[in-house]
C-alpha cells in the first residue's frame, strides 16, 4: 500500500498541471478591432479626431466652417447633439465632402465611437 502523502502530492501536482491550461474569460477587456484593423479596448475622442476628423474633416477642424467645429471635444459634442453628426456623416453621407471622403475604416471607427457614447 502506498503512503497517503503520495496520493495527496500526486493530486496537488495534477491540479497544478491542469491549471497551466486554464484561460480566464476576459471578453470585456478584449481589444475590439475597428474598421481599418485598429484594435482598442475603448475609443476616445483623440483617436477619432486623429484618424477621422484631422484627416477628412479639415474644414471643421481648422475653422468653424458652417458653424460646425470638430477641433475640441466640447465643440464636437455640440455638433453631435445639435447637428446630428451621425446622420450627416454615416446615414446621409453629406459630410465630409465629397461623399466618399470617409473610408470604410473611418466610418466604422466613427460609428463605434458614437455607439460607445462618444467618450472623451
PDB file of N, CA and C in Angstrom:
ATOM      1  N   UNK A   1       0.838  -1.172   0.000  1.00  0.00           N
ATOM      2  CA  UNK A   1       0.000   0.000   0.000  1.00  0.00           C
ATOM      3  C   UNK A   1       0.887   1.241   0.000  1.00  0.00           C
ATOM      4  N   UNK A   2       0.519   2.218  -0.829  1.00  0.00           N
ATOM      5  CA  UNK A   2       1.304   3.447  -0.932  1.00  0.00           C
ATOM      6  C   UNK A   2       0.962   4.375   0.222  1.00  0.00           C
ATOM      7  N   UNK A   3       1.957   5.107   0.683  1.00  0.00           N
ATOM      8  CA  UNK A   3       1.682   6.059   1.757  1.00  0.00           C
ATOM      9  C   UNK A   3       0.674   7.119   1.287  1.00  0.00           C
ATOM     10  N   UNK A   4      -0.134   7.594   2.215  1.00  0.00           N
ATOM     11  CA  UNK A   4      -1.199   8.541   1.935  1.00  0.00           C
ATOM     12  C   UNK A   4      -0.664   9.869   1.392  1.00  0.00           C
ATOM     13  N   UNK A   5       0.489  10.299   1.864  1.00  0.00           N
ATOM     14  CA  UNK A   5       1.025  11.579   1.412  1.00  0.00           C
ATOM     15  C   UNK A   5       1.359  11.558  -0.075  1.00  0.00           C
ATOM     16  N   UNK A   6       1.675  10.380  -0.636  1.00  0.00           N
ATOM     17  CA  UNK A   6       1.950  10.302  -2.077  1.00  0.00           C
ATOM     18  C   UNK A   6       0.688  10.572  -2.886  1.00  0.00           C
ATOM     19  N   UNK A   7      -0.465  10.101  -2.419  1.00  0.00           N
ATOM     20  CA  UNK A   7      -1.726  10.366  -3.111  1.00  0.00           C
ATOM     21  C   UNK A   7      -2.034  11.860  -3.091  1.00  0.00           C
ATOM     22  N   UNK A   8      -1.806  12.485  -1.932  1.00  0.00           N
ATOM     23  CA  UNK A   8      -2.053  13.926  -1.794  1.00  0.00           C
ATOM     24  C   UNK A   8      -1.117  14.727  -2.684  1.00  0.00           C
ATOM     25  N   UNK A   9       0.155  14.337  -2.719  1.00  0.00           N
ATOM     26  CA  UNK A   9       1.142  15.042  -3.542  1.00  0.00           C
ATOM     27  C   UNK A   9       0.812  14.878  -5.024  1.00  0.00           C
ATOM     28  N   UNK A  10       0.392  13.683  -5.392  1.00  0.00           N
ATOM     29  CA  UNK A  10       0.025  13.447  -6.793  1.00  0.00           C
ATOM     30  C   UNK A  10      -1.189  14.280  -7.178  1.00  0.00           C
ATOM     31  N   UNK A  11      -2.146  14.410  -6.283  1.00  0.00           N
ATOM     32  CA  UNK A  11      -3.346  15.215  -6.558  1.00  0.00           C
ATOM     33  C   UNK A  11      -2.987  16.685  -6.735  1.00  0.00           C
ATOM     34  N   UNK A  12      -2.124  17.194  -5.877  1.00  0.00           N
ATOM     35  CA  UNK A  12      -1.699  18.595  -5.979  1.00  0.00           C
ATOM     36  C   UNK A  12      -0.948  18.819  -7.291  1.00  0.00           C
ATOM     37  N   UNK A  13      -0.073  17.903  -7.645  1.00  0.00           N
ATOM     38  CA  UNK A  13       0.676  18.007  -8.894  1.00  0.00           C
ATOM     39  C   UNK A  13      -0.265  17.988 -10.092  1.00  0.00           C
ATOM     40  N   UNK A  14      -1.227  17.107 -10.086  1.00  0.00           N
ATOM     41  CA  UNK A  14      -2.187  17.006 -11.178  1.00  0.00           C
ATOM     42  C   UNK A  14      -2.999  18.289 -11.321  1.00  0.00           C
ATOM     43  N   UNK A  15      -3.476  18.833 -10.208  1.00  0.00           N
ATOM     44  CA  UNK A  15      -4.230  20.086 -10.242  1.00  0.00           C
ATOM     45  C   UNK A  15      -3.361  21.245 -10.731  1.00  0.00           C
ATOM     46  N   UNK A  16      -2.114  21.286 -10.305  1.00  0.00           N
ATOM     47  CA  UNK A  16      -1.207  22.352 -10.725  1.00  0.00           C
ATOM     48  C   UNK A  16      -0.962  22.311 -12.230  1.00  0.00           C
ATOM     49  N   UNK A  17      -0.754  21.116 -12.741  1.00  0.00           N
ATOM     50  CA  UNK A  17      -0.506  20.981 -14.180  1.00  0.00           C
ATOM     51  C   UNK A  17      -1.745  21.322 -15.007  1.00  0.00           C
ATOM     52  N   UNK A  18      -2.913  20.942 -14.527  1.00  0.00           N
ATOM     53  CA  UNK A  18      -4.125  21.244 -15.284  1.00  0.00           C
ATOM     54  C   UNK A  18      -4.424  22.740 -15.266  1.00  0.00           C
ATOM     55  N   UNK A  19      -3.982  23.441 -14.231  1.00  0.00           N
ATOM     56  CA  UNK A  19      -4.202  24.881 -14.143  1.00  0.00           C
ATOM     57  C   UNK A  19      -3.367  25.640 -15.174  1.00  0.00           C
ATOM     58  N   UNK A  20      -2.317  25.039 -15.689  1.00  0.00           N
ATOM     59  CA  UNK A  20      -1.476  25.699 -16.688  1.00  0.00           C
ATOM     60  C   UNK A  20      -2.258  26.005 -17.961  1.00  0.00           C
ATOM     61  N   UNK A  21      -3.256  25.213 -18.248  1.00  0.00           N
ATOM     62  CA  UNK A  21      -4.053  25.430 -19.453  1.00  0.00           C
ATOM     63  C   UNK A  21      -5.307  26.248 -19.195  1.00  0.00           C
ATOM     64  N   UNK A  22      -5.494  26.710 -17.980  1.00  0.00           N
ATOM     65  CA  UNK A  22      -6.681  27.488 -17.632  1.00  0.00           C
ATOM     66  C   UNK A  22      -6.574  28.873 -18.229  1.00  0.00           C
ATOM     67  N   UNK A  23      -7.625  29.296 -18.917  1.00  0.00           N
ATOM     68  CA  UNK A  23      -7.669  30.634 -19.501  1.00  0.00           C
ATOM     69  C   UNK A  23      -8.906  31.336 -18.980  1.00  0.00           C
ATOM     70  N   UNK A  24      -8.691  32.438 -18.295  1.00  0.00           N
ATOM     71  CA  UNK A  24      -9.800  33.206 -17.759  1.00  0.00           C
ATOM     72  C   UNK A  24     -10.481  33.958 -18.897  1.00  0.00           C
ATOM     73  N   UNK A  25     -11.793  33.961 -18.892  1.00  0.00           N
ATOM     74  CA  UNK A  25     -12.556  34.674 -19.915  1.00  0.00           C
ATOM     75  C   UNK A  25     -12.540  36.157 -19.597  1.00  0.00           C
ATOM     76  N   UNK A  26     -11.889  36.927 -20.453  1.00  0.00           N
ATOM     77  CA  UNK A  26     -11.804  38.365 -20.262  1.00  0.00           C
ATOM     78  C   UNK A  26     -12.389  39.086 -21.464  1.00  0.00           C
ATOM     79  N   UNK A  27     -13.552  38.674 -21.891  1.00  0.00           N
ATOM     80  CA  UNK A  27     -14.127  39.265 -23.083  1.00  0.00           C
ATOM     81  C   UNK A  27     -14.378  40.751 -22.935  1.00  0.00           C
ATOM     82  N   UNK A  28     -14.664  41.236 -21.732  1.00  0.00           N
ATOM     83  CA  UNK A  28     -14.925  42.658 -21.579  1.00  0.00           C
ATOM     84  C   UNK A  28     -13.660  43.492 -21.724  1.00  0.00           C
ATOM     85  N   UNK A  29     -12.478  42.887 -21.473  1.00  0.00           N
ATOM     86  CA  UNK A  29     -11.225  43.606 -21.616  1.00  0.00           C
ATOM     87  C   UNK A  29     -10.533  43.316 -22.939  1.00  0.00           C
ATOM     88  N   UNK A  30     -11.146  42.493 -23.764  1.00  0.00           N
ATOM     89  CA  UNK A  30     -10.529  42.125 -25.029  1.00  0.00           C
ATOM     90  C   UNK A  30     -10.521  43.305 -25.976  1.00  0.00           C
ATOM     91  N   UNK A  31      -9.448  43.458 -26.746  1.00  0.00           N
ATOM     92  CA  UNK A  31      -9.428  44.540 -27.722  1.00  0.00           C
ATOM     93  C   UNK A  31     -10.510  44.345 -28.778  1.00  0.00           C
ATOM     94  N   UNK A  32     -11.013  45.455 -29.268  1.00  0.00           N
ATOM     95  CA  UNK A  32     -12.003  45.450 -30.334  1.00  0.00           C
ATOM     96  C   UNK A  32     -11.321  45.877 -31.612  1.00  0.00           C
ATOM     97  N   UNK A  33     -11.552  45.167 -32.703  1.00  0.00           N
ATOM     98  CA  UNK A  33     -10.991  45.561 -33.986  1.00  0.00           C
ATOM     99  C   UNK A  33     -11.947  46.519 -34.656  1.00  0.00           C
ATOM    100  N   UNK A  34     -11.422  47.649 -35.075  1.00  0.00           N
ATOM    101  CA  UNK A  34     -12.228  48.703 -35.679  1.00  0.00           C
ATOM    102  C   UNK A  34     -11.798  48.889 -37.121  1.00  0.00           C
ATOM    103  N   UNK A  35     -12.769  49.023 -38.002  1.00  0.00           N
ATOM    104  CA  UNK A  35     -12.592  49.382 -39.401  1.00  0.00           C
ATOM    105  C   UNK A  35     -11.306  48.991 -40.081  1.00  0.00           C
ATOM    106  N   UNK A  36     -10.262  49.785 -39.904  1.00  0.00           N
ATOM    107  CA  UNK A  36      -9.019  49.589 -40.642  1.00  0.00           C
ATOM    108  C   UNK A  36      -8.082  48.584 -39.989  1.00  0.00           C
ATOM    109  N   UNK A  37      -8.583  47.840 -39.015  1.00  0.00           N
ATOM    110  CA  UNK A  37      -7.760  46.850 -38.343  1.00  0.00           C
ATOM    111  C   UNK A  37      -7.196  47.344 -37.020  1.00  0.00           C
ATOM    112  N   UNK A  38      -7.447  48.594 -36.665  1.00  0.00           N
ATOM    113  CA  UNK A  38      -7.006  49.143 -35.395  1.00  0.00           C
ATOM    114  C   UNK A  38      -7.693  48.382 -34.272  1.00  0.00           C
ATOM    115  N   UNK A  39      -6.941  48.045 -33.231  1.00  0.00           N
ATOM    116  CA  UNK A  39      -7.566  47.398 -32.086  1.00  0.00           C
ATOM    117  C   UNK A  39      -7.487  48.321 -30.891  1.00  0.00           C
ATOM    118  N   UNK A  40      -8.525  48.317 -30.105  1.00  0.00           N
ATOM    119  CA  UNK A  40      -8.585  49.176 -28.938  1.00  0.00           C
ATOM    120  C   UNK A  40      -9.548  48.586 -27.926  1.00  0.00           C
ATOM    121  N   UNK A  41      -9.390  48.941 -26.676  1.00  0.00           N
ATOM    122  CA  UNK A  41     -10.351  48.499 -25.676  1.00  0.00           C
ATOM    123  C   UNK A  41     -11.436  49.545 -25.498  1.00  0.00           C
ATOM    124  N   UNK A  42     -11.120  50.813 -25.743  1.00  0.00           N
ATOM    125  CA  UNK A  42     -12.124  51.864 -25.682  1.00  0.00           C
ATOM    126  C   UNK A  42     -11.670  53.030 -26.545  1.00  0.00           C
ATOM    127  N   UNK A  43     -12.506  53.415 -27.475  1.00  0.00           N
ATOM    128  CA  UNK A  43     -12.178  54.554 -28.323  1.00  0.00           C
ATOM    129  C   UNK A  43     -12.372  55.845 -27.557  1.00  0.00           C
ATOM    130  N   UNK A  44     -11.530  56.787 -27.815  1.00  0.00           N
ATOM    131  CA  UNK A  44     -11.597  58.110 -27.198  1.00  0.00           C
ATOM    132  C   UNK A  44     -11.651  59.166 -28.299  1.00  0.00           C
ATOM    133  N   UNK A  45     -12.032  60.371 -27.895  1.00  0.00           N
ATOM    134  CA  UNK A  45     -12.110  61.481 -28.839  1.00  0.00           C
ATOM    135  C   UNK A  45     -10.785  61.677 -29.580  1.00  0.00           C
ATOM    136  N   UNK A  46      -9.671  61.592 -28.869  1.00  0.00           N
ATOM    137  CA  UNK A  46      -8.362  61.801 -29.508  1.00  0.00           C
ATOM    138  C   UNK A  46      -8.126  60.816 -30.649  1.00  0.00           C
ATOM    139  N   UNK A  47      -8.584  59.577 -30.488  1.00  0.00           N
ATOM    140  CA  UNK A  47      -8.436  58.570 -31.540  1.00  0.00           C
ATOM    141  C   UNK A  47      -9.235  58.951 -32.783  1.00  0.00           C
ATOM    142  N   UNK A  48     -10.486  59.327 -32.560  1.00  0.00           N
ATOM    143  CA  UNK A  48     -11.379  59.676 -33.669  1.00  0.00           C
ATOM    144  C   UNK A  48     -10.922  60.968 -34.327  1.00  0.00           C
ATOM    145  N   UNK A  49     -10.483  61.920 -33.532  1.00  0.00           N
ATOM    146  CA  UNK A  49     -10.003  63.193 -34.094  1.00  0.00           C
ATOM    147  C   UNK A  49      -8.799  62.949 -34.995  1.00  0.00           C
ATOM    148  N   UNK A  50      -7.837  62.169 -34.510  1.00  0.00           N
ATOM    149  CA  UNK A  50      -6.620  61.916 -35.282  1.00  0.00           C
ATOM    150  C   UNK A  50      -6.878  61.102 -36.543  1.00  0.00           C
ATOM    151  N   UNK A  51      -7.745  60.100 -36.446  1.00  0.00           N
ATOM    152  CA  UNK A  51      -7.926  59.181 -37.562  1.00  0.00           C
ATOM    153  C   UNK A  51      -9.060  59.565 -38.508  1.00  0.00           C
ATOM    154  N   UNK A  52      -9.991  60.382 -38.041  1.00  0.00           N
ATOM    155  CA  UNK A  52     -11.134  60.748 -38.887  1.00  0.00           C
ATOM    156  C   UNK A  52     -11.173  62.249 -39.129  1.00  0.00           C
ATOM    157  N   UNK A  53     -11.382  63.020 -38.077  1.00  0.00           N
ATOM    158  CA  UNK A  53     -11.601  64.459 -38.232  1.00  0.00           C
ATOM    159  C   UNK A  53     -10.389  65.170 -38.833  1.00  0.00           C
ATOM    160  N   UNK A  54      -9.190  64.936 -38.292  1.00  0.00           N
ATOM    161  CA  UNK A  54      -7.991  65.614 -38.801  1.00  0.00           C
ATOM    162  C   UNK A  54      -7.695  65.244 -40.245  1.00  0.00           C
ATOM    163  N   UNK A  55      -8.004  64.028 -40.640  1.00  0.00           N
ATOM    164  CA  UNK A  55      -7.687  63.559 -41.987  1.00  0.00           C
ATOM    165  C   UNK A  55      -8.748  63.906 -43.021  1.00  0.00           C
ATOM    166  N   UNK A  56     -10.021  63.886 -42.632  1.00  0.00           N
ATOM    167  CA  UNK A  56     -11.085  64.013 -43.630  1.00  0.00           C
ATOM    168  C   UNK A  56     -12.067  65.146 -43.373  1.00  0.00           C
ATOM    169  N   UNK A  57     -11.943  65.830 -42.256  1.00  0.00           N
ATOM    170  CA  UNK A  57     -12.893  66.898 -41.911  1.00  0.00           C
ATOM    171  C   UNK A  57     -12.142  68.190 -41.604  1.00  0.00           C
ATOM    172  N   UNK A  58     -11.095  68.464 -42.366  1.00  0.00           N
ATOM    173  CA  UNK A  58     -10.198  69.574 -42.059  1.00  0.00           C
ATOM    174  C   UNK A  58     -10.893  70.933 -42.034  1.00  0.00           C
ATOM    175  N   UNK A  59     -11.934  71.123 -42.822  1.00  0.00           N
ATOM    176  CA  UNK A  59     -12.663  72.404 -42.818  1.00  0.00           C
ATOM    177  C   UNK A  59     -13.280  72.687 -41.457  1.00  0.00           C
ATOM    178  N   UNK A  60     -13.636  71.633 -40.723  1.00  0.00           N
ATOM    179  CA  UNK A  60     -14.285  71.800 -39.430  1.00  0.00           C
ATOM    180  C   UNK A  60     -13.302  71.667 -38.268  1.00  0.00           C
ATOM    181  N   UNK A  61     -12.052  71.303 -38.565  1.00  0.00           N
ATOM    182  CA  UNK A  61     -11.027  71.245 -37.536  1.00  0.00           C
ATOM    183  C   UNK A  61     -10.232  72.554 -37.547  1.00  0.00           C
ATOM    184  N   UNK A  62      -9.859  73.010 -38.731  1.00  0.00           N
ATOM    185  CA  UNK A  62      -9.064  74.238 -38.854  1.00  0.00           C
ATOM    186  C   UNK A  62      -9.891  75.492 -38.590  1.00  0.00           C
ATOM    187  N   UNK A  63     -11.145  75.450 -38.978  1.00  0.00           N
ATOM    188  CA  UNK A  63     -12.013  76.609 -38.770  1.00  0.00           C
ATOM    189  C   UNK A  63     -13.404  76.124 -38.390  1.00  0.00           C
ATOM    190  N   UNK A  64     -14.251  77.064 -38.133  1.00  0.00           N
ATOM    191  CA  UNK A  64     -15.613  76.758 -37.707  1.00  0.00           C
ATOM    192  C   UNK A  64     -16.551  76.835 -38.912  1.00  0.00           C
ATOM    193  N   UNK A  65     -16.174  76.198 -39.991  1.00  0.00           N
ATOM    194  CA  UNK A  65     -16.923  76.286 -41.241  1.00  0.00           C
ATOM    195  C   UNK A  65     -18.356  75.796 -41.067  1.00  0.00           C
ATOM    196  N   UNK A  66     -19.294  76.586 -41.534  1.00  0.00           N
ATOM    197  CA  UNK A  66     -20.701  76.220 -41.454  1.00  0.00           C
ATOM    198  C   UNK A  66     -21.236  76.170 -40.038  1.00  0.00           C
ATOM    199  N   UNK A  67     -20.511  76.794 -39.111  1.00  0.00           N
ATOM    200  CA  UNK A  67     -20.938  76.789 -37.717  1.00  0.00           C
ATOM    201  C   UNK A  67     -20.654  75.483 -37.001  1.00  0.00           C
ATOM    202  N   UNK A  68     -19.868  74.612 -37.608  1.00  0.00           N
ATOM    203  CA  UNK A  68     -19.543  73.310 -37.002  1.00  0.00           C
ATOM    204  C   UNK A  68     -18.035  73.225 -36.782  1.00  0.00           C
ATOM    205  N   UNK A  69     -17.649  72.977 -35.547  1.00  0.00           N
ATOM    206  CA  UNK A  69     -16.242  72.793 -35.219  1.00  0.00           C
ATOM    207  C   UNK A  69     -16.042  71.397 -34.644  1.00  0.00           C
ATOM    208  N   UNK A  70     -14.993  70.743 -35.117  1.00  0.00           N
ATOM    209  CA  UNK A  70     -14.617  69.419 -34.604  1.00  0.00           C
ATOM    210  C   UNK A  70     -13.225  69.486 -33.987  1.00  0.00           C
ATOM    211  N   UNK A  71     -12.821  70.693 -33.592  1.00  0.00           N
ATOM    212  CA  UNK A  71     -11.468  70.916 -33.083  1.00  0.00           C
ATOM    213  C   UNK A  71     -11.293  70.413 -31.650  1.00  0.00           C
ATOM    214  N   UNK A  72     -12.308  70.576 -30.829  1.00  0.00           N
ATOM    215  CA  UNK A  72     -12.220  70.157 -29.425  1.00  0.00           C
ATOM    216  C   UNK A  72     -13.340  69.160 -29.113  1.00  0.00           C
ATOM    217  N   UNK A  73     -13.197  68.501 -27.994  1.00  0.00           N
ATOM    218  CA  UNK A  73     -14.226  67.551 -27.578  1.00  0.00           C
ATOM    219  C   UNK A  73     -15.553  68.261 -27.327  1.00  0.00           C
ATOM    220  N   UNK A  74     -15.509  69.393 -26.628  1.00  0.00           N
ATOM    221  CA  UNK A  74     -16.734  70.135 -26.315  1.00  0.00           C
ATOM    222  C   UNK A  74     -17.441  70.587 -27.592  1.00  0.00           C
ATOM    223  N   UNK A  75     -16.683  71.096 -28.556  1.00  0.00           N
ATOM    224  CA  UNK A  75     -17.278  71.538 -29.818  1.00  0.00           C
ATOM    225  C   UNK A  75     -17.864  70.358 -30.589  1.00  0.00           C
ATOM    226  N   UNK A  76     -17.184  69.220 -30.549  1.00  0.00           N
ATOM    227  CA  UNK A  76     -17.676  68.028 -31.243  1.00  0.00           C
ATOM    228  C   UNK A  76     -18.948  67.506 -30.593  1.00  0.00           C
ATOM    229  N   UNK A  77     -19.020  67.541 -29.265  1.00  0.00           N
ATOM    230  CA  UNK A  77     -20.263  67.145 -28.589  1.00  0.00           C
ATOM    231  C   UNK A  77     -21.423  68.027 -29.027  1.00  0.00           C
ATOM    232  N   UNK A  78     -21.157  69.301 -29.186  1.00  0.00           N
ATOM    233  CA  UNK A  78     -22.193  70.223 -29.657  1.00  0.00           C
ATOM    234  C   UNK A  78     -22.655  69.825 -31.057  1.00  0.00           C
ATOM    235  N   UNK A  79     -21.702  69.457 -31.903  1.00  0.00           N
ATOM    236  CA  UNK A  79     -22.045  69.034 -33.268  1.00  0.00           C
ATOM    237  C   UNK A  79     -22.843  67.731 -33.251  1.00  0.00           C
ATOM    238  N   UNK A  80     -22.502  66.843 -32.341  1.00  0.00           N
ATOM    239  CA  UNK A  80     -23.230  65.576 -32.228  1.00  0.00           C
ATOM    240  C   UNK A  80     -24.677  65.847 -31.820  1.00  0.00           C
ATOM    241  N   UNK A  81     -24.855  66.726 -30.848  1.00  0.00           N
ATOM    242  CA  UNK A  81     -26.191  66.987 -30.314  1.00  0.00           C
ATOM    243  C   UNK A  81     -27.028  67.888 -31.211  1.00  0.00           C
ATOM    244  N   UNK A  82     -26.454  68.974 -31.699  1.00  0.00           N
ATOM    245  CA  UNK A  82     -27.259  69.943 -32.443  1.00  0.00           C
ATOM    246  C   UNK A  82     -27.328  69.670 -33.937  1.00  0.00           C
ATOM    247  N   UNK A  83     -26.334  69.046 -34.474  1.00  0.00           N
ATOM    248  CA  UNK A  83     -26.270  68.853 -35.932  1.00  0.00           C
ATOM    249  C   UNK A  83     -26.471  67.410 -36.360  1.00  0.00           C
ATOM    250  N   UNK A  84     -26.662  66.525 -35.422  1.00  0.00           N
ATOM    251  CA  UNK A  84     -26.829  65.101 -35.707  1.00  0.00           C
ATOM    252  C   UNK A  84     -25.689  64.572 -36.577  1.00  0.00           C
ATOM    253  N   UNK A  85     -24.504  64.624 -35.997  1.00  0.00           N
ATOM    254  CA  UNK A  85     -23.283  64.210 -36.690  1.00  0.00           C
ATOM    255  C   UNK A  85     -23.409  62.817 -37.305  1.00  0.00           C
ATOM    256  N   UNK A  86     -24.028  61.886 -36.577  1.00  0.00           N
ATOM    257  CA  UNK A  86     -24.182  60.511 -37.086  1.00  0.00           C
ATOM    258  C   UNK A  86     -24.969  60.498 -38.398  1.00  0.00           C
ATOM    259  N   UNK A  87     -26.081  61.172 -38.417  1.00  0.00           N
ATOM    260  CA  UNK A  87     -26.934  61.169 -39.600  1.00  0.00           C
ATOM    261  C   UNK A  87     -26.231  61.811 -40.797  1.00  0.00           C
ATOM    262  N   UNK A  88     -25.599  62.944 -40.571  1.00  0.00           N
ATOM    263  CA  UNK A  88     -24.946  63.691 -41.654  1.00  0.00           C
ATOM    264  C   UNK A  88     -23.762  62.925 -42.238  1.00  0.00           C
ATOM    265  N   UNK A  89     -23.002  62.223 -41.379  1.00  0.00           N
ATOM    266  CA  UNK A  89     -21.791  61.546 -41.858  1.00  0.00           C
ATOM    267  C   UNK A  89     -22.000  60.081 -42.227  1.00  0.00           C
ATOM    268  N   UNK A  90     -22.813  59.363 -41.465  1.00  0.00           N
ATOM    269  CA  UNK A  90     -22.909  57.917 -41.668  1.00  0.00           C
ATOM    270  C   UNK A  90     -24.167  57.463 -42.405  1.00  0.00           C
ATOM    271  N   UNK A  91     -25.254  58.230 -42.319  1.00  0.00           N
ATOM    272  CA  UNK A  91     -26.501  57.818 -42.967  1.00  0.00           C
ATOM    273  C   UNK A  91     -26.671  58.539 -44.301  1.00  0.00           C
ATOM    274  N   UNK A  92     -26.789  59.865 -44.246  1.00  0.00           N
ATOM    275  CA  UNK A  92     -26.972  60.649 -45.469  1.00  0.00           C
ATOM    276  C   UNK A  92     -25.678  60.814 -46.256  1.00  0.00           C
ATOM    277  N   UNK A  93     -24.556  60.746 -45.557  1.00  0.00           N
ATOM    278  CA  UNK A  93     -23.216  60.893 -46.140  1.00  0.00           C
ATOM    279  C   UNK A  93     -23.066  62.209 -46.903  1.00  0.00           C
ATOM    280  N   UNK A  94     -23.623  63.280 -46.307  1.00  0.00           N
ATOM    281  CA  UNK A  94     -23.462  64.616 -46.891  1.00  0.00           C
ATOM    282  C   UNK A  94     -22.112  65.213 -46.533  1.00  0.00           C
ATOM    283  N   UNK A  95     -21.568  64.798 -45.427  1.00  0.00           N
ATOM    284  CA  UNK A  95     -20.286  65.300 -44.963  1.00  0.00           C
ATOM    285  C   UNK A  95     -19.424  64.110 -44.573  1.00  0.00           C
ATOM    286  N   UNK A  96     -18.145  64.227 -44.728  1.00  0.00           N
ATOM    287  CA  UNK A  96     -17.438  65.304 -45.401  1.00  0.00           C
ATOM    288  C   UNK A  96     -17.652  65.246 -46.899  1.00  0.00           C
ATOM    289  N   UNK A  97     -17.307  66.326 -47.533  1.00  0.00           N
ATOM    290  CA  UNK A  97     -17.458  66.408 -48.980  1.00  0.00           C
ATOM    291  C   UNK A  97     -16.116  66.116 -49.613  1.00  0.00           C
ATOM    292  N   UNK A  98     -16.047  65.364 -50.686  1.00  0.00           N
ATOM    293  CA  UNK A  98     -17.105  64.660 -51.404  1.00  0.00           C
ATOM    294  C   UNK A  98     -17.637  63.485 -50.590  1.00  0.00           C
ATOM    295  N   UNK A  99     -18.795  62.965 -50.950  1.00  0.00           N
ATOM    296  CA  UNK A  99     -19.472  61.934 -50.161  1.00  0.00           C
ATOM    297  C   UNK A  99     -18.634  60.697 -49.831  1.00  0.00           C
ATOM    298  N   UNK A 100     -17.656  60.352 -50.645  1.00  0.00           N
ATOM    299  CA  UNK A 100     -16.841  59.161 -50.365  1.00  0.00           C
ATOM    300  C   UNK A 100     -15.529  59.519 -49.650  1.00  0.00           C
ATOM    301  N   UNK A 101     -15.492  60.685 -49.006  1.00  0.00           N
ATOM    302  CA  UNK A 101     -14.264  61.139 -48.347  1.00  0.00           C
ATOM    303  C   UNK A 101     -13.883  60.286 -47.141  1.00  0.00           C
ATOM    304  N   UNK A 102     -14.848  59.676 -46.485  1.00  0.00           N
ATOM    305  CA  UNK A 102     -14.538  58.784 -45.358  1.00  0.00           C
ATOM    306  C   UNK A 102     -14.369  57.356 -45.855  1.00  0.00           C
ATOM    307  N   UNK A 103     -13.237  56.767 -45.511  1.00  0.00           N
ATOM    308  CA  UNK A 103     -13.017  55.365 -45.877  1.00  0.00           C
ATOM    309  C   UNK A 103     -13.951  54.479 -45.054  1.00  0.00           C
ATOM    310  N   UNK A 104     -14.071  53.235 -45.447  1.00  0.00           N
ATOM    311  CA  UNK A 104     -14.881  52.282 -44.679  1.00  0.00           C
ATOM    312  C   UNK A 104     -14.364  52.182 -43.244  1.00  0.00           C
ATOM    313  N   UNK A 105     -13.043  52.185 -43.106  1.00  0.00           N
ATOM    314  CA  UNK A 105     -12.438  52.110 -41.777  1.00  0.00           C
ATOM    315  C   UNK A 105     -12.755  53.327 -40.928  1.00  0.00           C
ATOM    316  N   UNK A 106     -12.704  54.510 -41.532  1.00  0.00           N
ATOM    317  CA  UNK A 106     -13.039  55.729 -40.795  1.00  0.00           C
ATOM    318  C   UNK A 106     -14.510  55.741 -40.394  1.00  0.00           C
ATOM    319  N   UNK A 107     -15.372  55.289 -41.281  1.00  0.00           N
ATOM    320  CA  UNK A 107     -16.800  55.220 -40.952  1.00  0.00           C
ATOM    321  C   UNK A 107     -17.029  54.254 -39.789  1.00  0.00           C
ATOM    322  N   UNK A 108     -16.370  53.115 -39.821  1.00  0.00           N
ATOM    323  CA  UNK A 108     -16.515  52.125 -38.752  1.00  0.00           C
ATOM    324  C   UNK A 108     -15.991  52.675 -37.421  1.00  0.00           C
ATOM    325  N   UNK A 109     -14.874  53.377 -37.473  1.00  0.00           N
ATOM    326  CA  UNK A 109     -14.305  53.973 -36.265  1.00  0.00           C
ATOM    327  C   UNK A 109     -15.246  55.020 -35.683  1.00  0.00           C
ATOM    328  N   UNK A 110     -15.764  55.896 -36.515  1.00  0.00           N
ATOM    329  CA  UNK A 110     -16.694  56.926 -36.064  1.00  0.00           C
ATOM    330  C   UNK A 110     -17.966  56.298 -35.488  1.00  0.00           C
ATOM    331  N   UNK A 111     -18.488  55.296 -36.175  1.00  0.00           N
ATOM    332  CA  UNK A 111     -19.704  54.626 -35.701  1.00  0.00           C
ATOM    333  C   UNK A 111     -19.463  53.956 -34.352  1.00  0.00           C
ATOM    334  N   UNK A 112     -18.346  53.275 -34.205  1.00  0.00           N
ATOM    335  CA  UNK A 112     -18.024  52.599 -32.955  1.00  0.00           C
ATOM    336  C   UNK A 112     -17.916  53.601 -31.811  1.00  0.00           C
ATOM    337  N   UNK A 113     -17.280  54.740 -32.072  1.00  0.00           N
ATOM    338  CA  UNK A 113     -17.130  55.767 -31.039  1.00  0.00           C
ATOM    339  C   UNK A 113     -18.475  56.348 -30.646  1.00  0.00           C
ATOM    340  N   UNK A 114     -19.297  56.665 -31.636  1.00  0.00           N
ATOM    341  CA  UNK A 114     -20.629  57.210 -31.357  1.00  0.00           C
ATOM    342  C   UNK A 114     -21.504  56.179 -30.625  1.00  0.00           C
ATOM    343  N   UNK A 115     -21.450  54.922 -31.072  1.00  0.00           N
ATOM    344  CA  UNK A 115     -22.219  53.855 -30.425  1.00  0.00           C
ATOM    345  C   UNK A 115     -21.778  53.646 -28.975  1.00  0.00           C
ATOM    346  N   UNK A 116     -20.509  53.928 -28.692  1.00  0.00           N
ATOM    347  CA  UNK A 116     -19.975  53.773 -27.353  1.00  0.00           C
ATOM    348  C   UNK A 116     -20.243  54.972 -26.451  1.00  0.00           C
ATOM    349  N   UNK A 117     -21.023  55.934 -26.938  1.00  0.00           N
ATOM    350  CA  UNK A 117     -21.370  57.097 -26.125  1.00  0.00           C
ATOM    351  C   UNK A 117     -20.446  58.279 -26.326  1.00  0.00           C
ATOM    352  N   UNK A 118     -19.570  58.219 -27.328  1.00  0.00           N
ATOM    353  CA  UNK A 118     -18.642  59.311 -27.661  1.00  0.00           C
ATOM    354  C   UNK A 118     -17.817  59.766 -26.448  1.00  0.00           C
ATOM    355  N   UNK A 119     -17.071  58.831 -25.804  1.00  0.00           N
ATOM    356  CA  UNK A 119     -16.297  59.226 -24.632  1.00  0.00           C
ATOM    357  C   UNK A 119     -15.132  60.157 -24.965  1.00  0.00           C
ATOM    358  N   UNK A 120     -14.786  60.977 -23.982  1.00  0.00           N
ATOM    359  CA  UNK A 120     -13.684  61.912 -24.157  1.00  0.00           C
ATOM    360  C   UNK A 120     -12.367  61.156 -24.082  1.00  0.00           C
TER     361      UNK A 120
END
